[in-house]
């Protein structure tokens, strides 16, 4: 190893080592949204190069793309990376056929009144929440305690909001054929409270990926790009909870971020107001550090 390489490695260790002094700032909260195939999951890997420890929960199939950031280059996944894959709801074709039979047989009025007698089996959302009570690392088998006790030396990322939407709604309705307004409202409340706990009740860094939808702008007209979640009432409430709301997009073979796209509700505190930003989280954490943030377990009160 050359002297220059040794100095570089030493600098990295120094930058990512927890500071003994309390941080002046709590961790950043970043919402990275975009269409499928815009590099959101892969970009999460750059967090590991900027913070002492990265913890990621996969609510959808994404682990392969994530670790491919390193393995496709012949590198090992860094030791400071930990992950947990959320348990998926298990179904079968018999259940699908039975539901189809029920829909075919009963009237719309009857279907609205039906309840799933086995709704209690749909406990994936509860298990998902318990992940944050004592984070279980699938990679090592170790547990790392409650996320709301962590400091800015750690980052929790979730990939993605779409998976949370599905399990939260399943908790409410199970396999109920038709949903009414109360079902939507209860599920929306579950998701809003969860996101608010992570953005406002935790001092660690938080990154959430999300897909987007195109909706009619009821205020200014035209089409608006909004975060994909349960119902139109919840979507506008999510971006204001975050310090940075970034749109991921692709042009040909190149991947970029935007904080300036006028068709999306974006915001930035730690990135320039621009299109064509390199999809790398390090620039966000560098700006955070320049303002008094430190990779420490404690935040100055």
C-alpha atoms as a PDB file:
ATOM      1  CA  UNK A   1       0.000   0.000   0.000  1.00  0.00           C
ATOM      2  CA  UNK A   2       1.458   3.364  -1.061  1.00  0.00           C
ATOM      3  CA  UNK A   3       1.901   6.251   1.356  1.00  0.00           C
ATOM      4  CA  UNK A   4      -0.839   8.200  -0.472  1.00  0.00           C
ATOM      5  CA  UNK A   5      -3.281   5.289  -0.144  1.00  0.00           C
ATOM      6  CA  UNK A   6      -2.498   4.964   3.570  1.00  0.00           C
ATOM      7  CA  UNK A   7      -3.163   8.668   4.096  1.00  0.00           C
ATOM      8  CA  UNK A   8      -6.427   8.430   2.180  1.00  0.00           C
ATOM      9  CA  UNK A   9      -7.630   5.469   4.250  1.00  0.00           C
ATOM     10  CA  UNK A  10      -6.651   7.222   7.464  1.00  0.00           C
ATOM     11  CA  UNK A  11      -8.629  10.300   6.390  1.00  0.00           C
ATOM     12  CA  UNK A  12     -11.712   8.162   5.707  1.00  0.00           C
ATOM     13  CA  UNK A  13     -11.482   6.528   9.139  1.00  0.00           C
ATOM     14  CA  UNK A  14     -11.148   9.935  10.784  1.00  0.00           C
ATOM     15  CA  UNK A  15     -14.128  11.366   8.893  1.00  0.00           C
ATOM     16  CA  UNK A  16     -16.421   8.437   9.673  1.00  0.00           C
ATOM     17  CA  UNK A  17     -15.355   7.933  13.296  1.00  0.00           C
ATOM     18  CA  UNK A  18     -17.936   9.147  15.829  1.00  0.00           C
ATOM     19  CA  UNK A  19     -17.037  12.565  17.212  1.00  0.00           C
ATOM     20  CA  UNK A  20     -16.593  12.822  21.012  1.00  0.00           C
ATOM     21  CA  UNK A  21     -18.455  16.150  21.007  1.00  0.00           C
ATOM     22  CA  UNK A  22     -22.248  16.359  20.776  1.00  0.00           C
ATOM     23  CA  UNK A  23     -23.646  17.280  17.384  1.00  0.00           C
ATOM     24  CA  UNK A  24     -25.210  20.708  17.051  1.00  0.00           C
ATOM     25  CA  UNK A  25     -27.765  19.222  14.659  1.00  0.00           C
ATOM     26  CA  UNK A  26     -29.976  16.174  14.555  1.00  0.00           C
ATOM     27  CA  UNK A  27     -29.677  13.951  11.511  1.00  0.00           C
ATOM     28  CA  UNK A  28     -31.003  14.900   8.089  1.00  0.00           C
ATOM     29  CA  UNK A  29     -34.339  13.586   6.793  1.00  0.00           C
ATOM     30  CA  UNK A  30     -34.286  12.883   3.061  1.00  0.00           C
ATOM     31  CA  UNK A  31     -37.133  11.738   0.810  1.00  0.00           C
ATOM     32  CA  UNK A  32     -35.750  10.360  -2.462  1.00  0.00           C
ATOM     33  CA  UNK A  33     -38.616   9.895  -4.897  1.00  0.00           C
ATOM     34  CA  UNK A  34     -38.792   8.864  -8.518  1.00  0.00           C
ATOM     35  CA  UNK A  35     -40.127   6.473 -11.105  1.00  0.00           C
ATOM     36  CA  UNK A  36     -39.086   2.828 -11.168  1.00  0.00           C
ATOM     37  CA  UNK A  37     -35.599   2.402 -12.623  1.00  0.00           C
ATOM     38  CA  UNK A  38     -34.217   5.809 -11.692  1.00  0.00           C
ATOM     39  CA  UNK A  39     -31.474   4.519  -9.386  1.00  0.00           C
ATOM     40  CA  UNK A  40     -33.037   5.168  -5.983  1.00  0.00           C
ATOM     41  CA  UNK A  41     -32.002   1.875  -4.366  1.00  0.00           C
ATOM     42  CA  UNK A  42     -28.485   1.966  -5.799  1.00  0.00           C
ATOM     43  CA  UNK A  43     -27.993   5.532  -4.577  1.00  0.00           C
ATOM     44  CA  UNK A  44     -28.636   4.383  -1.000  1.00  0.00           C
ATOM     45  CA  UNK A  45     -25.294   2.577  -1.115  1.00  0.00           C
ATOM     46  CA  UNK A  46     -23.473   5.928  -1.244  1.00  0.00           C
ATOM     47  CA  UNK A  47     -24.697   6.643   2.292  1.00  0.00           C
ATOM     48  CA  UNK A  48     -22.306   3.959   3.566  1.00  0.00           C
ATOM     49  CA  UNK A  49     -19.386   6.008   2.250  1.00  0.00           C
ATOM     50  CA  UNK A  50     -20.505   9.080   4.187  1.00  0.00           C
ATOM     51  CA  UNK A  51     -21.717   7.914   7.635  1.00  0.00           C
ATOM     52  CA  UNK A  52     -20.235   5.596  10.287  1.00  0.00           C
ATOM     53  CA  UNK A  53     -23.135   3.105  10.148  1.00  0.00           C
ATOM     54  CA  UNK A  54     -25.945   2.510   7.670  1.00  0.00           C
ATOM     55  CA  UNK A  55     -29.041   0.451   8.473  1.00  0.00           C
ATOM     56  CA  UNK A  56     -31.556  -0.265   5.739  1.00  0.00           C
ATOM     57  CA  UNK A  57     -34.973  -1.916   5.738  1.00  0.00           C
ATOM     58  CA  UNK A  58     -36.168  -3.387   2.464  1.00  0.00           C
ATOM     59  CA  UNK A  59     -39.941  -3.462   2.171  1.00  0.00           C
ATOM     60  CA  UNK A  60     -39.642  -4.563  -1.471  1.00  0.00           C
ATOM     61  CA  UNK A  61     -37.132  -6.665  -3.442  1.00  0.00           C
ATOM     62  CA  UNK A  62     -34.108  -4.366  -3.591  1.00  0.00           C
ATOM     63  CA  UNK A  63     -31.262  -6.044  -1.733  1.00  0.00           C
ATOM     64  CA  UNK A  64     -29.744  -7.427  -4.937  1.00  0.00           C
ATOM     65  CA  UNK A  65     -29.436  -3.985  -6.540  1.00  0.00           C
ATOM     66  CA  UNK A  66     -28.151  -2.484  -3.301  1.00  0.00           C
ATOM     67  CA  UNK A  67     -25.255  -4.883  -2.712  1.00  0.00           C
ATOM     68  CA  UNK A  68     -24.583  -4.922  -6.454  1.00  0.00           C
ATOM     69  CA  UNK A  69     -23.214  -1.401  -6.033  1.00  0.00           C
ATOM     70  CA  UNK A  70     -20.132  -3.094  -4.602  1.00  0.00           C
ATOM     71  CA  UNK A  71     -20.185  -6.702  -5.800  1.00  0.00           C
ATOM     72  CA  UNK A  72     -20.578  -5.737  -9.468  1.00  0.00           C
ATOM     73  CA  UNK A  73     -17.241  -3.958  -9.123  1.00  0.00           C
ATOM     74  CA  UNK A  74     -15.601  -6.914  -7.407  1.00  0.00           C
ATOM     75  CA  UNK A  75     -15.690  -5.213  -4.005  1.00  0.00           C
ATOM     76  CA  UNK A  76     -16.912  -6.432  -0.635  1.00  0.00           C
ATOM     77  CA  UNK A  77     -19.927  -4.873   1.033  1.00  0.00           C
ATOM     78  CA  UNK A  78     -18.548  -2.544   3.749  1.00  0.00           C
ATOM     79  CA  UNK A  79     -18.730  -3.721   7.341  1.00  0.00           C
ATOM     80  CA  UNK A  80     -20.665  -0.616   8.394  1.00  0.00           C
ATOM     81  CA  UNK A  81     -23.708  -1.716   6.340  1.00  0.00           C
ATOM     82  CA  UNK A  82     -26.583  -3.604   7.996  1.00  0.00           C
ATOM     83  CA  UNK A  83     -29.937  -4.600   6.536  1.00  0.00           C
ATOM     84  CA  UNK A  84     -33.240  -6.276   7.258  1.00  0.00           C
ATOM     85  CA  UNK A  85     -35.672  -7.589   4.639  1.00  0.00           C
ATOM     86  CA  UNK A  86     -39.288  -7.166   5.730  1.00  0.00           C
ATOM     87  CA  UNK A  87     -41.438 -10.264   5.753  1.00  0.00           C
ATOM     88  CA  UNK A  88     -43.793 -10.255   2.780  1.00  0.00           C
ATOM     89  CA  UNK A  89     -47.459 -11.145   2.879  1.00  0.00           C
ATOM     90  CA  UNK A  90     -47.913 -14.732   1.761  1.00  0.00           C
ATOM     91  CA  UNK A  91     -50.813 -15.628  -0.497  1.00  0.00           C
ATOM     92  CA  UNK A  92     -51.717 -18.369  -2.927  1.00  0.00           C
ATOM     93  CA  UNK A  93     -53.775 -18.879  -6.045  1.00  0.00           C
ATOM     94  CA  UNK A  94     -56.514 -20.689  -4.111  1.00  0.00           C
ATOM     95  CA  UNK A  95     -57.088 -17.565  -2.034  1.00  0.00           C
ATOM     96  CA  UNK A  96     -57.161 -15.394  -5.162  1.00  0.00           C
ATOM     97  CA  UNK A  97     -59.693 -17.725  -6.778  1.00  0.00           C
ATOM     98  CA  UNK A  98     -61.879 -17.725  -3.660  1.00  0.00           C
ATOM     99  CA  UNK A  99     -61.867 -13.934  -3.548  1.00  0.00           C
ATOM    100  CA  UNK A 100     -62.817 -13.835  -7.217  1.00  0.00           C
ATOM    101  CA  UNK A 101     -65.713 -16.185  -6.509  1.00  0.00           C
ATOM    102  CA  UNK A 102     -66.947 -13.965  -3.672  1.00  0.00           C
ATOM    103  CA  UNK A 103     -66.800 -10.873  -5.888  1.00  0.00           C
ATOM    104  CA  UNK A 104     -68.649 -12.722  -8.652  1.00  0.00           C
ATOM    105  CA  UNK A 105     -71.345 -14.027  -6.317  1.00  0.00           C
ATOM    106  CA  UNK A 106     -72.313 -11.120  -4.060  1.00  0.00           C
ATOM    107  CA  UNK A 107     -73.740  -7.673  -4.732  1.00  0.00           C
ATOM    108  CA  UNK A 108     -71.678  -4.505  -4.341  1.00  0.00           C
ATOM    109  CA  UNK A 109     -73.669  -3.577  -1.226  1.00  0.00           C
ATOM    110  CA  UNK A 110     -72.939  -6.973   0.345  1.00  0.00           C
ATOM    111  CA  UNK A 111     -69.243  -6.766  -0.499  1.00  0.00           C
ATOM    112  CA  UNK A 112     -68.921  -3.401   1.275  1.00  0.00           C
ATOM    113  CA  UNK A 113     -70.312  -4.935   4.474  1.00  0.00           C
ATOM    114  CA  UNK A 114     -68.047  -7.996   4.411  1.00  0.00           C
ATOM    115  CA  UNK A 115     -65.090  -8.398   6.752  1.00  0.00           C
ATOM    116  CA  UNK A 116     -62.129 -10.754   6.443  1.00  0.00           C
ATOM    117  CA  UNK A 117     -62.534 -13.312   9.300  1.00  0.00           C
ATOM    118  CA  UNK A 118     -58.793 -14.022   9.106  1.00  0.00           C
ATOM    119  CA  UNK A 119     -57.680 -10.387   9.185  1.00  0.00           C
ATOM    120  CA  UNK A 120     -55.660 -11.004  12.358  1.00  0.00           C
ATOM    121  CA  UNK A 121     -53.219 -13.084  10.316  1.00  0.00           C
ATOM    122  CA  UNK A 122     -52.124  -9.998   8.412  1.00  0.00           C
ATOM    123  CA  UNK A 123     -49.475  -8.938  10.913  1.00  0.00           C
ATOM    124  CA  UNK A 124     -46.688  -7.873   8.519  1.00  0.00           C
ATOM    125  CA  UNK A 125     -47.052  -4.181   9.402  1.00  0.00           C
ATOM    126  CA  UNK A 126     -46.767  -4.901  13.122  1.00  0.00           C
ATOM    127  CA  UNK A 127     -43.624  -6.954  12.480  1.00  0.00           C
ATOM    128  CA  UNK A 128     -42.288  -4.096  10.371  1.00  0.00           C
ATOM    129  CA  UNK A 129     -42.750  -1.645  13.262  1.00  0.00           C
ATOM    130  CA  UNK A 130     -41.023  -4.020  15.687  1.00  0.00           C
ATOM    131  CA  UNK A 131     -37.953  -3.843  13.448  1.00  0.00           C
ATOM    132  CA  UNK A 132     -37.456  -0.305  14.774  1.00  0.00           C
ATOM    133  CA  UNK A 133     -37.777  -1.375  18.423  1.00  0.00           C
ATOM    134  CA  UNK A 134     -34.645  -3.539  18.209  1.00  0.00           C
ATOM    135  CA  UNK A 135     -33.113  -3.495  14.735  1.00  0.00           C
ATOM    136  CA  UNK A 136     -32.300  -7.062  13.585  1.00  0.00           C
ATOM    137  CA  UNK A 137     -29.386  -7.257  11.163  1.00  0.00           C
ATOM    138  CA  UNK A 138     -29.957 -10.082   8.676  1.00  0.00           C
ATOM    139  CA  UNK A 139     -26.310  -9.935   7.701  1.00  0.00           C
ATOM    140  CA  UNK A 140     -24.770 -10.683  11.099  1.00  0.00           C
ATOM    141  CA  UNK A 141     -27.713 -11.836  13.219  1.00  0.00           C
ATOM    142  CA  UNK A 142     -26.992  -9.061  15.718  1.00  0.00           C
ATOM    143  CA  UNK A 143     -29.517  -6.592  17.128  1.00  0.00           C
ATOM    144  CA  UNK A 144     -28.799  -2.897  17.490  1.00  0.00           C
ATOM    145  CA  UNK A 145     -31.481  -1.582  19.817  1.00  0.00           C
ATOM    146  CA  UNK A 146     -34.301   0.945  19.296  1.00  0.00           C
ATOM    147  CA  UNK A 147     -33.920   3.341  16.376  1.00  0.00           C
ATOM    148  CA  UNK A 148     -35.324   6.224  18.421  1.00  0.00           C
ATOM    149  CA  UNK A 149     -32.313   5.926  20.757  1.00  0.00           C
ATOM    150  CA  UNK A 150     -29.738   6.326  17.968  1.00  0.00           C
ATOM    151  CA  UNK A 151     -27.754   9.477  17.290  1.00  0.00           C
ATOM    152  CA  UNK A 152     -26.409  11.081  14.088  1.00  0.00           C
ATOM    153  CA  UNK A 153     -23.620   8.509  13.916  1.00  0.00           C
ATOM    154  CA  UNK A 154     -26.217   6.185  12.363  1.00  0.00           C
ATOM    155  CA  UNK A 155     -28.541   6.403   9.389  1.00  0.00           C
ATOM    156  CA  UNK A 156     -31.746   4.407   8.964  1.00  0.00           C
ATOM    157  CA  UNK A 157     -33.017   4.037   5.390  1.00  0.00           C
ATOM    158  CA  UNK A 158     -36.221   2.437   4.127  1.00  0.00           C
ATOM    159  CA  UNK A 159     -36.652   1.151   0.592  1.00  0.00           C
ATOM    160  CA  UNK A 160     -39.466   1.932  -0.027  1.00  0.00           C
ATOM    161  CA  UNK A 161     -42.699   3.688   1.000  1.00  0.00           C
ATOM    162  CA  UNK A 162     -44.636   1.562  -1.503  1.00  0.00           C
ATOM    163  CA  UNK A 163     -44.090  -1.575   0.575  1.00  0.00           C
ATOM    164  CA  UNK A 164     -45.214   0.234   3.732  1.00  0.00           C
ATOM    165  CA  UNK A 165     -48.406   1.344   1.969  1.00  0.00           C
ATOM    166  CA  UNK A 166     -49.350  -2.223   1.124  1.00  0.00           C
ATOM    167  CA  UNK A 167     -48.727  -3.764   4.550  1.00  0.00           C
ATOM    168  CA  UNK A 168     -50.429  -0.911   6.437  1.00  0.00           C
ATOM    169  CA  UNK A 169     -53.562  -1.277   4.320  1.00  0.00           C
ATOM    170  CA  UNK A 170     -53.465  -5.061   4.697  1.00  0.00           C
ATOM    171  CA  UNK A 171     -53.422  -4.644   8.480  1.00  0.00           C
ATOM    172  CA  UNK A 172     -56.706  -2.721   8.265  1.00  0.00           C
ATOM    173  CA  UNK A 173     -58.649  -4.729   5.692  1.00  0.00           C
ATOM    174  CA  UNK A 174     -56.999  -8.145   5.329  1.00  0.00           C
ATOM    175  CA  UNK A 175     -58.608  -9.647   2.217  1.00  0.00           C
ATOM    176  CA  UNK A 176     -61.770  -7.567   2.390  1.00  0.00           C
ATOM    177  CA  UNK A 177     -63.131  -7.334  -1.174  1.00  0.00           C
ATOM    178  CA  UNK A 178     -64.103  -3.641  -1.123  1.00  0.00           C
ATOM    179  CA  UNK A 179     -62.734  -0.741   0.902  1.00  0.00           C
ATOM    180  CA  UNK A 180     -64.645   2.202   2.305  1.00  0.00           C
ATOM    181  CA  UNK A 181     -63.433   5.658   3.311  1.00  0.00           C
ATOM    182  CA  UNK A 182     -62.825   4.632   6.922  1.00  0.00           C
ATOM    183  CA  UNK A 183     -60.382   1.932   5.806  1.00  0.00           C
ATOM    184  CA  UNK A 184     -58.373   4.456   3.794  1.00  0.00           C
ATOM    185  CA  UNK A 185     -58.367   6.946   6.654  1.00  0.00           C
ATOM    186  CA  UNK A 186     -57.100   4.456   9.242  1.00  0.00           C
ATOM    187  CA  UNK A 187     -54.291   3.227   6.983  1.00  0.00           C
ATOM    188  CA  UNK A 188     -53.247   6.784   6.102  1.00  0.00           C
ATOM    189  CA  UNK A 189     -53.080   7.647   9.799  1.00  0.00           C
ATOM    190  CA  UNK A 190     -50.808   4.664  10.484  1.00  0.00           C
ATOM    191  CA  UNK A 191     -48.354   5.735   7.797  1.00  0.00           C
ATOM    192  CA  UNK A 192     -48.375   9.423   8.739  1.00  0.00           C
ATOM    193  CA  UNK A 193     -47.646   8.690  12.402  1.00  0.00           C
ATOM    194  CA  UNK A 194     -44.827   6.309  11.470  1.00  0.00           C
ATOM    195  CA  UNK A 195     -43.104   8.801   9.167  1.00  0.00           C
ATOM    196  CA  UNK A 196     -43.537  11.606  11.705  1.00  0.00           C
ATOM    197  CA  UNK A 197     -41.909   9.467  14.393  1.00  0.00           C
ATOM    198  CA  UNK A 198     -38.829   8.944  12.249  1.00  0.00           C
ATOM    199  CA  UNK A 199     -38.548  12.547  11.038  1.00  0.00           C
ATOM    200  CA  UNK A 200     -39.456  14.269  14.292  1.00  0.00           C
ATOM    201  CA  UNK A 201     -38.924  11.721  17.053  1.00  0.00           C
ATOM    202  CA  UNK A 202     -35.474  10.400  16.130  1.00  0.00           C
ATOM    203  CA  UNK A 203     -32.072  12.085  16.077  1.00  0.00           C
ATOM    204  CA  UNK A 204     -30.406   9.702  13.624  1.00  0.00           C
ATOM    205  CA  UNK A 205     -30.343  10.340   9.883  1.00  0.00           C
ATOM    206  CA  UNK A 206     -33.381   9.059   7.991  1.00  0.00           C
ATOM    207  CA  UNK A 207     -33.722   8.352   4.266  1.00  0.00           C
ATOM    208  CA  UNK A 208     -36.937   7.137   2.639  1.00  0.00           C
ATOM    209  CA  UNK A 209     -37.327   6.157  -0.998  1.00  0.00           C
ATOM    210  CA  UNK A 210     -40.698   6.407  -2.725  1.00  0.00           C
ATOM    211  CA  UNK A 211     -42.276   5.992  -6.108  1.00  0.00           C
ATOM    212  CA  UNK A 212     -44.202   8.850  -7.699  1.00  0.00           C
ATOM    213  CA  UNK A 213     -47.535   9.352  -9.403  1.00  0.00           C
ATOM    214  CA  UNK A 214     -48.879  12.041 -11.678  1.00  0.00           C
ATOM    215  CA  UNK A 215     -51.887  13.856 -10.242  1.00  0.00           C
ATOM    216  CA  UNK A 216     -53.986  16.816 -11.333  1.00  0.00           C
ATOM    217  CA  UNK A 217     -52.882  19.959  -9.481  1.00  0.00           C
ATOM    218  CA  UNK A 218     -56.075  21.232  -7.844  1.00  0.00           C
ATOM    219  CA  UNK A 219     -54.510  24.606  -6.981  1.00  0.00           C
ATOM    220  CA  UNK A 220     -52.598  25.728 -10.076  1.00  0.00           C
ATOM    221  CA  UNK A 221     -53.936  23.285 -12.668  1.00  0.00           C
ATOM    222  CA  UNK A 222     -51.914  21.016 -14.876  1.00  0.00           C
ATOM    223  CA  UNK A 223     -50.226  17.788 -13.825  1.00  0.00           C
ATOM    224  CA  UNK A 224     -48.131  17.470 -10.659  1.00  0.00           C
ATOM    225  CA  UNK A 225     -45.686  14.726  -9.668  1.00  0.00           C
ATOM    226  CA  UNK A 226     -46.539  13.526  -6.159  1.00  0.00           C
ATOM    227  CA  UNK A 227     -45.243  10.849  -3.838  1.00  0.00           C
ATOM    228  CA  UNK A 228     -47.067   7.545  -4.264  1.00  0.00           C
ATOM    229  CA  UNK A 229     -48.921   6.621  -1.093  1.00  0.00           C
ATOM    230  CA  UNK A 230     -52.409   5.735   0.117  1.00  0.00           C
ATOM    231  CA  UNK A 231     -54.860   8.293  -1.191  1.00  0.00           C
ATOM    232  CA  UNK A 232     -54.599  11.900  -2.282  1.00  0.00           C
ATOM    233  CA  UNK A 233     -55.099  13.238   1.255  1.00  0.00           C
ATOM    234  CA  UNK A 234     -51.844  11.759   2.613  1.00  0.00           C
ATOM    235  CA  UNK A 235     -49.496  12.552  -0.299  1.00  0.00           C
ATOM    236  CA  UNK A 236     -49.229  16.344   0.387  1.00  0.00           C
ATOM    237  CA  UNK A 237     -48.454  15.732   4.069  1.00  0.00           C
ATOM    238  CA  UNK A 238     -45.320  13.666   3.498  1.00  0.00           C
ATOM    239  CA  UNK A 239     -42.810  16.050   1.808  1.00  0.00           C
ATOM    240  CA  UNK A 240     -43.038  18.808   4.480  1.00  0.00           C
ATOM    241  CA  UNK A 241     -41.759  16.338   7.095  1.00  0.00           C
ATOM    242  CA  UNK A 242     -38.365  16.110   5.338  1.00  0.00           C
ATOM    243  CA  UNK A 243     -35.395  18.452   5.174  1.00  0.00           C
ATOM    244  CA  UNK A 244     -34.702  17.448   1.575  1.00  0.00           C
ATOM    245  CA  UNK A 245     -37.127  16.109  -1.039  1.00  0.00           C
ATOM    246  CA  UNK A 246     -35.223  14.991  -4.126  1.00  0.00           C
ATOM    247  CA  UNK A 247     -36.465  13.686  -7.474  1.00  0.00           C
ATOM    248  CA  UNK A 248     -34.424  10.884  -9.042  1.00  0.00           C
ATOM    249  CA  UNK A 249     -34.552  10.618 -12.837  1.00  0.00           C
ATOM    250  CA  UNK A 250     -32.729   9.041 -15.751  1.00  0.00           C
ATOM    251  CA  UNK A 251     -31.611  10.396 -19.116  1.00  0.00           C
ATOM    252  CA  UNK A 252     -30.548   7.568 -21.430  1.00  0.00           C
ATOM    253  CA  UNK A 253     -27.893   5.684 -19.413  1.00  0.00           C
ATOM    254  CA  UNK A 254     -27.210   8.484 -16.940  1.00  0.00           C
ATOM    255  CA  UNK A 255     -28.835   8.938 -13.521  1.00  0.00           C
ATOM    256  CA  UNK A 256     -29.423  12.309 -11.876  1.00  0.00           C
ATOM    257  CA  UNK A 257     -31.178  14.084  -9.021  1.00  0.00           C
ATOM    258  CA  UNK A 258     -33.262  17.231  -9.183  1.00  0.00           C
ATOM    259  CA  UNK A 259     -34.332  19.733  -6.536  1.00  0.00           C
ATOM    260  CA  UNK A 260     -35.695  22.209  -9.101  1.00  0.00           C
ATOM    261  CA  UNK A 261     -38.223  20.319 -11.215  1.00  0.00           C
ATOM    262  CA  UNK A 262     -41.308  22.608 -11.268  1.00  0.00           C
ATOM    263  CA  UNK A 263     -43.707  19.672 -11.721  1.00  0.00           C
ATOM    264  CA  UNK A 264     -42.812  18.123  -8.343  1.00  0.00           C
ATOM    265  CA  UNK A 265     -43.065  19.360  -4.747  1.00  0.00           C
ATOM    266  CA  UNK A 266     -39.355  19.361  -3.938  1.00  0.00           C
ATOM    267  CA  UNK A 267     -37.311  21.102  -1.249  1.00  0.00           C
ATOM    268  CA  UNK A 268     -33.667  21.349  -0.312  1.00  0.00           C
ATOM    269  CA  UNK A 269     -31.592  22.384   2.655  1.00  0.00           C
ATOM    270  CA  UNK A 270     -28.413  20.473   1.897  1.00  0.00           C
ATOM    271  CA  UNK A 271     -28.249  20.374  -1.908  1.00  0.00           C
ATOM    272  CA  UNK A 272     -28.073  23.104  -4.555  1.00  0.00           C
ATOM    273  CA  UNK A 273     -31.317  24.164  -6.210  1.00  0.00           C
ATOM    274  CA  UNK A 274     -30.622  22.519  -9.546  1.00  0.00           C
ATOM    275  CA  UNK A 275     -31.191  19.725 -12.024  1.00  0.00           C
ATOM    276  CA  UNK A 276     -28.502  17.260 -13.062  1.00  0.00           C
ATOM    277  CA  UNK A 277     -27.150  16.673  -9.545  1.00  0.00           C
ATOM    278  CA  UNK A 278     -24.920  13.616  -9.129  1.00  0.00           C
ATOM    279  CA  UNK A 279     -26.861  10.873  -7.255  1.00  0.00           C
ATOM    280  CA  UNK A 280     -24.598  10.709  -4.215  1.00  0.00           C
ATOM    281  CA  UNK A 281     -25.609  11.234  -0.586  1.00  0.00           C
ATOM    282  CA  UNK A 282     -22.144  12.314   0.506  1.00  0.00           C
ATOM    283  CA  UNK A 283     -22.804  15.884  -0.635  1.00  0.00           C
ATOM    284  CA  UNK A 284     -25.823  16.045   1.691  1.00  0.00           C
ATOM    285  CA  UNK A 285     -23.822  14.901   4.715  1.00  0.00           C
ATOM    286  CA  UNK A 286     -20.909  17.192   3.837  1.00  0.00           C
ATOM    287  CA  UNK A 287     -23.239  20.208   3.932  1.00  0.00           C
ATOM    288  CA  UNK A 288     -24.791  18.980   7.188  1.00  0.00           C
ATOM    289  CA  UNK A 289     -21.320  18.739   8.749  1.00  0.00           C
ATOM    290  CA  UNK A 290     -20.389  22.224   7.549  1.00  0.00           C
ATOM    291  CA  UNK A 291     -23.316  23.592   9.565  1.00  0.00           C
ATOM    292  CA  UNK A 292     -22.346  21.938  12.828  1.00  0.00           C
ATOM    293  CA  UNK A 293     -23.478  18.357  12.402  1.00  0.00           C
ATOM    294  CA  UNK A 294     -21.231  15.690  13.881  1.00  0.00           C
ATOM    295  CA  UNK A 295     -21.251  11.916  13.652  1.00  0.00           C
ATOM    296  CA  UNK A 296     -21.822  11.370  17.343  1.00  0.00           C
ATOM    297  CA  UNK A 297     -24.329   9.486  19.481  1.00  0.00           C
ATOM    298  CA  UNK A 298     -25.468  12.674  21.218  1.00  0.00           C
ATOM    299  CA  UNK A 299     -27.084  15.900  20.067  1.00  0.00           C
ATOM    300  CA  UNK A 300     -26.486  19.128  21.963  1.00  0.00           C
ATOM    301  CA  UNK A 301     -29.587  20.199  23.894  1.00  0.00           C
END
